[in-house]
């Protein structure tokens, strides 16, 4: 076998397997989102109940609504991004930029709320930002 000849492994369906560097690259690309999500998930309930003074039921309801909304919006955004044609950003990069900017703004609002606001306003703001 020649030095610069590349051999690929194939799975049972005949498709080429990913190399380790590609697998690690895909995993590392999700690290930032995963870390941010874990921070929000672990700290959000404490923050909502102990810092902002909301009831545990209200915070749990807000988290439940956000999970339900995620289940509805993910397929819709997937459909939209599949049929997006944009010469400058490509199919998905525009949505990644929009998502990045909204995550920054949402986190700034989420973690800088005043506990002096009425409970109903806190609940609405938390539901929107989460």
N, C-alpha and C. Protein backbone atom coordinates (compact mmCIF):
# COMPACT_ATOMS: atom_id res chain seq x y z
N UNK A 1 0.85 -1.17 0.00
CA UNK A 1 0.00 0.00 0.00
C UNK A 1 0.89 1.24 0.00
N UNK A 2 0.54 2.20 -0.81
CA UNK A 2 1.33 3.43 -0.92
C UNK A 2 1.14 4.29 0.34
N UNK A 3 2.12 5.16 0.62
CA UNK A 3 2.08 5.98 1.82
C UNK A 3 0.89 6.93 1.86
N UNK A 4 0.57 7.55 0.76
CA UNK A 4 -0.50 8.53 0.75
C UNK A 4 -1.85 7.96 0.33
N UNK A 5 -1.98 6.66 0.34
CA UNK A 5 -3.26 6.04 0.01
C UNK A 5 -4.10 5.94 1.30
N UNK A 6 -5.34 6.39 1.24
CA UNK A 6 -6.21 6.40 2.41
C UNK A 6 -7.15 5.22 2.33
N UNK A 7 -7.27 4.49 3.42
CA UNK A 7 -8.23 3.39 3.47
C UNK A 7 -9.38 3.81 4.37
N UNK A 8 -10.58 3.48 3.99
CA UNK A 8 -11.75 3.82 4.78
C UNK A 8 -12.43 2.55 5.23
N UNK A 9 -12.94 2.57 6.44
CA UNK A 9 -13.72 1.46 6.95
C UNK A 9 -15.18 1.71 6.62
N UNK A 10 -15.91 0.65 6.39
CA UNK A 10 -17.30 0.77 6.03
C UNK A 10 -18.15 -0.01 7.02
N UNK A 11 -19.36 0.46 7.29
CA UNK A 11 -20.27 -0.28 8.16
C UNK A 11 -21.00 -1.33 7.34
N UNK A 12 -21.93 -2.04 7.97
CA UNK A 12 -22.63 -3.13 7.30
C UNK A 12 -23.48 -2.66 6.13
N UNK A 13 -23.90 -1.39 6.12
CA UNK A 13 -24.70 -0.86 5.02
C UNK A 13 -23.84 -0.36 3.87
N UNK A 14 -22.52 -0.40 4.03
CA UNK A 14 -21.62 0.05 2.98
C UNK A 14 -21.29 1.52 3.03
N UNK A 15 -21.73 2.21 4.08
CA UNK A 15 -21.42 3.63 4.23
C UNK A 15 -20.08 3.79 4.94
N UNK A 16 -19.30 4.79 4.55
CA UNK A 16 -18.01 4.99 5.23
C UNK A 16 -18.21 5.45 6.67
N UNK A 17 -17.36 4.94 7.58
CA UNK A 17 -17.40 5.34 8.98
C UNK A 17 -16.68 6.66 9.15
N UNK A 18 -17.09 7.40 10.15
CA UNK A 18 -16.43 8.67 10.44
C UNK A 18 -15.10 8.40 11.13
N UNK A 19 -14.14 9.24 10.85
CA UNK A 19 -12.86 9.16 11.54
C UNK A 19 -12.99 9.76 12.93
N UNK A 20 -12.08 9.38 13.83
CA UNK A 20 -12.14 9.87 15.21
C UNK A 20 -12.10 11.39 15.28
N UNK A 21 -11.28 12.01 14.44
CA UNK A 21 -11.19 13.47 14.50
C UNK A 21 -12.51 14.13 14.12
N UNK A 22 -13.26 13.50 13.22
CA UNK A 22 -14.58 14.06 12.88
C UNK A 22 -15.57 13.87 14.02
N UNK A 23 -15.53 12.73 14.66
CA UNK A 23 -16.43 12.47 15.79
C UNK A 23 -16.14 13.45 16.92
N UNK A 24 -14.85 13.63 17.25
CA UNK A 24 -14.49 14.58 18.29
C UNK A 24 -14.85 16.00 17.89
N UNK A 25 -14.70 16.33 16.62
CA UNK A 25 -15.06 17.67 16.14
C UNK A 25 -16.53 17.96 16.28
N UNK A 26 -17.38 16.99 15.93
CA UNK A 26 -18.81 17.18 16.09
C UNK A 26 -19.17 17.32 17.58
N UNK A 27 -18.57 16.51 18.42
CA UNK A 27 -18.84 16.57 19.85
C UNK A 27 -18.38 17.88 20.46
N UNK A 28 -17.20 18.34 20.08
CA UNK A 28 -16.66 19.58 20.62
C UNK A 28 -17.48 20.78 20.15
N UNK A 29 -18.04 20.69 18.96
CA UNK A 29 -18.88 21.78 18.46
C UNK A 29 -20.12 21.98 19.28
N UNK A 30 -20.57 20.96 19.98
CA UNK A 30 -21.77 21.06 20.82
C UNK A 30 -21.42 21.38 22.27
N UNK A 31 -20.14 21.49 22.58
CA UNK A 31 -19.72 21.70 23.96
C UNK A 31 -20.24 23.02 24.54
N UNK A 32 -20.15 24.10 23.79
CA UNK A 32 -20.59 25.40 24.29
C UNK A 32 -22.07 25.41 24.62
N UNK A 33 -22.88 24.88 23.73
CA UNK A 33 -24.32 24.83 23.99
C UNK A 33 -24.61 23.92 25.17
N UNK A 34 -23.95 22.77 25.22
CA UNK A 34 -24.18 21.83 26.31
C UNK A 34 -23.82 22.41 27.66
N UNK A 35 -22.69 23.13 27.72
CA UNK A 35 -22.27 23.74 28.98
C UNK A 35 -23.26 24.81 29.41
N UNK A 36 -23.69 25.65 28.48
CA UNK A 36 -24.65 26.69 28.80
C UNK A 36 -25.98 26.09 29.26
N UNK A 37 -26.43 25.06 28.59
CA UNK A 37 -27.69 24.41 28.97
C UNK A 37 -27.59 23.81 30.36
N UNK A 38 -26.48 23.19 30.69
CA UNK A 38 -26.32 22.59 32.01
C UNK A 38 -26.31 23.65 33.11
N UNK A 39 -25.66 24.77 32.86
CA UNK A 39 -25.65 25.85 33.84
C UNK A 39 -27.07 26.33 34.11
N UNK A 40 -27.81 26.54 33.04
CA UNK A 40 -29.18 27.01 33.19
C UNK A 40 -30.03 25.95 33.90
N UNK A 41 -29.88 24.69 33.51
CA UNK A 41 -30.70 23.63 34.09
C UNK A 41 -30.42 23.44 35.57
N UNK A 42 -29.16 23.48 35.98
CA UNK A 42 -28.83 23.26 37.39
C UNK A 42 -29.16 24.47 38.27
N UNK A 43 -28.95 25.64 37.77
CA UNK A 43 -29.07 26.82 38.60
C UNK A 43 -30.44 27.49 38.50
N UNK A 44 -31.18 27.22 37.45
CA UNK A 44 -32.42 27.94 37.20
C UNK A 44 -33.47 27.75 38.30
N UNK A 45 -33.65 26.53 38.76
CA UNK A 45 -34.67 26.27 39.78
C UNK A 45 -34.31 26.98 41.08
N UNK A 46 -33.05 26.90 41.48
CA UNK A 46 -32.61 27.62 42.68
C UNK A 46 -32.78 29.11 42.51
N UNK A 47 -32.37 29.63 41.38
CA UNK A 47 -32.46 31.06 41.10
C UNK A 47 -33.90 31.53 41.13
N UNK A 48 -34.79 30.79 40.51
CA UNK A 48 -36.20 31.19 40.45
C UNK A 48 -36.88 31.14 41.80
N UNK A 49 -36.54 30.16 42.63
CA UNK A 49 -37.21 30.03 43.92
C UNK A 49 -36.53 30.84 45.02
N UNK A 50 -35.21 30.71 45.17
CA UNK A 50 -34.52 31.35 46.29
C UNK A 50 -34.19 32.82 46.03
N UNK A 51 -33.80 33.15 44.82
CA UNK A 51 -33.38 34.52 44.53
C UNK A 51 -34.57 35.39 44.13
N UNK A 52 -35.38 34.89 43.21
CA UNK A 52 -36.52 35.70 42.74
C UNK A 52 -37.78 35.52 43.57
N UNK A 53 -37.86 34.47 44.35
CA UNK A 53 -39.00 34.28 45.23
C UNK A 53 -40.23 33.66 44.59
N UNK A 54 -40.09 33.05 43.43
CA UNK A 54 -41.23 32.37 42.80
C UNK A 54 -41.45 31.02 43.48
N UNK A 55 -42.66 30.51 43.37
CA UNK A 55 -42.94 29.19 43.95
C UNK A 55 -42.30 28.11 43.08
N UNK A 56 -42.01 26.98 43.69
CA UNK A 56 -41.44 25.86 42.95
C UNK A 56 -42.38 25.35 41.86
N UNK A 57 -43.67 25.44 42.14
CA UNK A 57 -44.66 25.03 41.13
C UNK A 57 -44.58 25.91 39.89
N UNK A 58 -44.44 27.22 40.11
CA UNK A 58 -44.37 28.15 38.98
C UNK A 58 -43.09 27.91 38.17
N UNK A 59 -41.97 27.72 38.85
CA UNK A 59 -40.71 27.48 38.14
C UNK A 59 -40.78 26.16 37.37
N UNK A 60 -41.35 25.13 37.98
CA UNK A 60 -41.52 23.85 37.28
C UNK A 60 -42.43 23.97 36.07
N UNK A 61 -43.49 24.76 36.20
CA UNK A 61 -44.40 24.99 35.07
C UNK A 61 -43.67 25.72 33.93
N UNK A 62 -42.85 26.70 34.28
CA UNK A 62 -42.09 27.44 33.26
C UNK A 62 -41.13 26.50 32.53
N UNK A 63 -40.44 25.63 33.28
CA UNK A 63 -39.53 24.67 32.65
C UNK A 63 -40.31 23.72 31.76
N UNK A 64 -41.46 23.25 32.23
CA UNK A 64 -42.29 22.34 31.43
C UNK A 64 -42.78 22.99 30.14
N UNK A 65 -43.19 24.24 30.23
CA UNK A 65 -43.63 24.97 29.03
C UNK A 65 -42.47 25.12 28.05
N UNK A 66 -41.27 25.39 28.57
CA UNK A 66 -40.12 25.55 27.66
C UNK A 66 -39.77 24.25 26.96
N UNK A 67 -39.90 23.12 27.64
CA UNK A 67 -39.64 21.82 27.01
C UNK A 67 -40.70 21.54 25.94
N UNK A 68 -41.96 21.84 26.25
CA UNK A 68 -43.04 21.65 25.29
C UNK A 68 -42.82 22.54 24.06
N UNK A 69 -42.45 23.80 24.27
CA UNK A 69 -42.19 24.72 23.16
C UNK A 69 -41.02 24.22 22.31
N UNK A 70 -40.01 23.68 22.95
CA UNK A 70 -38.86 23.14 22.23
C UNK A 70 -39.29 21.98 21.33
N UNK A 71 -40.18 21.14 21.82
CA UNK A 71 -40.67 20.01 21.02
C UNK A 71 -41.46 20.48 19.80
N UNK A 72 -42.13 21.62 19.91
CA UNK A 72 -42.89 22.16 18.78
C UNK A 72 -41.99 22.93 17.81
N UNK A 73 -41.11 23.76 18.35
CA UNK A 73 -40.32 24.65 17.49
C UNK A 73 -39.17 23.96 16.76
N UNK A 74 -38.60 22.90 17.33
CA UNK A 74 -37.46 22.24 16.66
C UNK A 74 -37.81 21.69 15.28
N UNK A 75 -38.90 20.93 15.13
CA UNK A 75 -39.22 20.45 13.77
C UNK A 75 -39.57 21.59 12.80
N UNK A 76 -40.19 22.64 13.32
CA UNK A 76 -40.54 23.78 12.45
C UNK A 76 -39.27 24.45 11.95
N UNK A 77 -38.32 24.72 12.85
CA UNK A 77 -37.06 25.35 12.45
C UNK A 77 -36.24 24.44 11.54
N UNK A 78 -36.29 23.15 11.79
CA UNK A 78 -35.61 22.21 10.90
C UNK A 78 -36.18 22.26 9.49
N UNK A 79 -37.50 22.31 9.39
CA UNK A 79 -38.15 22.42 8.08
C UNK A 79 -37.77 23.72 7.39
N UNK A 80 -37.83 24.83 8.15
CA UNK A 80 -37.48 26.13 7.56
C UNK A 80 -36.03 26.17 7.10
N UNK A 81 -35.12 25.64 7.91
CA UNK A 81 -33.71 25.69 7.53
C UNK A 81 -33.41 24.76 6.35
N UNK A 82 -34.16 23.68 6.22
CA UNK A 82 -33.95 22.79 5.07
C UNK A 82 -34.28 23.48 3.75
N UNK A 83 -35.23 24.40 3.77
CA UNK A 83 -35.66 25.05 2.54
C UNK A 83 -35.20 26.50 2.42
N UNK A 84 -34.28 26.91 3.27
CA UNK A 84 -33.74 28.26 3.20
C UNK A 84 -32.65 28.31 2.14
N UNK A 85 -32.75 29.30 1.27
CA UNK A 85 -31.71 29.52 0.26
C UNK A 85 -31.17 30.93 0.48
N UNK A 86 -29.91 30.99 0.89
CA UNK A 86 -29.28 32.27 1.17
C UNK A 86 -27.84 32.19 0.70
N UNK A 87 -27.49 32.95 -0.28
CA UNK A 87 -26.14 32.87 -0.85
C UNK A 87 -25.07 33.34 0.11
N UNK A 88 -25.40 34.29 0.97
CA UNK A 88 -24.39 34.82 1.89
C UNK A 88 -24.14 33.91 3.09
N UNK A 89 -25.21 33.39 3.69
CA UNK A 89 -25.08 32.62 4.92
C UNK A 89 -25.25 31.12 4.74
N UNK A 90 -25.76 30.67 3.62
CA UNK A 90 -26.03 29.25 3.47
C UNK A 90 -27.38 28.90 4.07
N UNK A 91 -27.62 27.59 4.21
CA UNK A 91 -28.93 27.15 4.69
C UNK A 91 -29.14 27.38 6.18
N UNK A 92 -28.12 27.18 6.99
CA UNK A 92 -28.34 27.21 8.44
C UNK A 92 -27.57 28.28 9.19
N UNK A 93 -26.56 28.86 8.59
CA UNK A 93 -25.73 29.82 9.31
C UNK A 93 -26.50 31.06 9.78
N UNK A 94 -27.44 31.52 9.00
CA UNK A 94 -28.24 32.67 9.41
C UNK A 94 -29.00 32.35 10.69
N UNK A 95 -29.57 31.15 10.78
CA UNK A 95 -30.31 30.76 11.97
C UNK A 95 -29.38 30.58 13.17
N UNK A 96 -28.16 30.13 12.92
CA UNK A 96 -27.18 30.02 14.00
C UNK A 96 -26.82 31.39 14.56
N UNK A 97 -26.65 32.37 13.68
CA UNK A 97 -26.36 33.74 14.14
C UNK A 97 -27.53 34.32 14.92
N UNK A 98 -28.73 34.14 14.42
CA UNK A 98 -29.91 34.64 15.12
C UNK A 98 -30.04 33.98 16.48
N UNK A 99 -29.85 32.66 16.52
CA UNK A 99 -29.93 31.93 17.78
C UNK A 99 -28.86 32.36 18.77
N UNK A 100 -27.66 32.61 18.28
CA UNK A 100 -26.58 33.06 19.15
C UNK A 100 -26.90 34.41 19.76
N UNK A 101 -27.37 35.33 18.96
CA UNK A 101 -27.70 36.66 19.48
C UNK A 101 -28.86 36.62 20.47
N UNK A 102 -29.87 35.82 20.17
CA UNK A 102 -31.01 35.74 21.11
C UNK A 102 -30.61 35.03 22.40
N UNK A 103 -29.70 34.07 22.34
CA UNK A 103 -29.21 33.42 23.56
C UNK A 103 -28.46 34.40 24.44
N UNK A 104 -27.65 35.26 23.84
CA UNK A 104 -26.90 36.26 24.61
C UNK A 104 -27.87 37.22 25.29
N UNK A 105 -28.81 37.75 24.53
CA UNK A 105 -29.78 38.70 25.09
C UNK A 105 -30.63 38.03 26.16
N UNK A 106 -31.10 36.82 25.90
CA UNK A 106 -31.93 36.11 26.87
C UNK A 106 -31.18 35.85 28.17
N UNK A 107 -29.93 35.47 28.08
CA UNK A 107 -29.16 35.21 29.29
C UNK A 107 -28.88 36.49 30.07
N UNK A 108 -28.62 37.57 29.37
CA UNK A 108 -28.42 38.84 30.07
C UNK A 108 -29.68 39.24 30.83
N UNK A 109 -30.83 39.10 30.20
CA UNK A 109 -32.09 39.44 30.86
C UNK A 109 -32.38 38.45 31.99
N UNK A 110 -32.20 37.17 31.72
CA UNK A 110 -32.55 36.12 32.68
C UNK A 110 -31.81 36.27 34.01
N UNK A 111 -30.51 36.48 33.95
CA UNK A 111 -29.71 36.49 35.18
C UNK A 111 -29.59 37.88 35.80
N UNK A 112 -30.23 38.89 35.24
CA UNK A 112 -30.17 40.24 35.80
C UNK A 112 -31.55 40.77 36.18
N UNK A 113 -32.47 39.89 36.48
CA UNK A 113 -33.81 40.30 36.88
C UNK A 113 -33.81 40.80 38.32
N UNK A 114 -34.71 41.72 38.60
CA UNK A 114 -34.87 42.25 39.96
C UNK A 114 -35.98 41.47 40.66
N UNK A 115 -35.75 41.09 41.89
CA UNK A 115 -36.78 40.38 42.64
C UNK A 115 -37.90 41.32 43.10
N UNK A 116 -37.72 42.62 42.84
CA UNK A 116 -38.76 43.59 43.21
C UNK A 116 -39.93 43.61 42.23
N UNK A 117 -39.76 43.00 41.08
CA UNK A 117 -40.85 42.96 40.11
C UNK A 117 -41.99 42.09 40.63
N UNK A 118 -43.22 42.36 40.20
CA UNK A 118 -44.34 41.50 40.60
C UNK A 118 -44.13 40.06 40.09
N UNK A 119 -44.69 39.11 40.83
CA UNK A 119 -44.50 37.69 40.52
C UNK A 119 -44.96 37.34 39.10
N UNK A 120 -46.06 37.92 38.66
CA UNK A 120 -46.55 37.58 37.32
C UNK A 120 -45.61 38.08 36.24
N UNK A 121 -44.99 39.26 36.45
CA UNK A 121 -44.02 39.76 35.48
C UNK A 121 -42.77 38.89 35.45
N UNK A 122 -42.30 38.47 36.63
CA UNK A 122 -41.14 37.58 36.68
C UNK A 122 -41.43 36.28 35.94
N UNK A 123 -42.62 35.73 36.17
CA UNK A 123 -42.99 34.47 35.52
C UNK A 123 -43.02 34.61 34.00
N UNK A 124 -43.57 35.69 33.49
CA UNK A 124 -43.64 35.90 32.05
C UNK A 124 -42.25 36.10 31.47
N UNK A 125 -41.43 36.90 32.13
CA UNK A 125 -40.06 37.14 31.63
C UNK A 125 -39.26 35.86 31.64
N UNK A 126 -39.36 35.06 32.71
CA UNK A 126 -38.64 33.80 32.76
C UNK A 126 -39.12 32.83 31.67
N UNK A 127 -40.42 32.80 31.42
CA UNK A 127 -40.95 31.91 30.39
C UNK A 127 -40.45 32.32 29.01
N UNK A 128 -40.34 33.62 28.76
CA UNK A 128 -39.87 34.09 27.46
C UNK A 128 -38.37 33.84 27.29
N UNK A 129 -37.60 34.13 28.33
CA UNK A 129 -36.14 34.01 28.20
C UNK A 129 -35.66 32.57 28.26
N UNK A 130 -36.40 31.70 28.89
CA UNK A 130 -35.95 30.32 28.97
C UNK A 130 -36.29 29.58 27.70
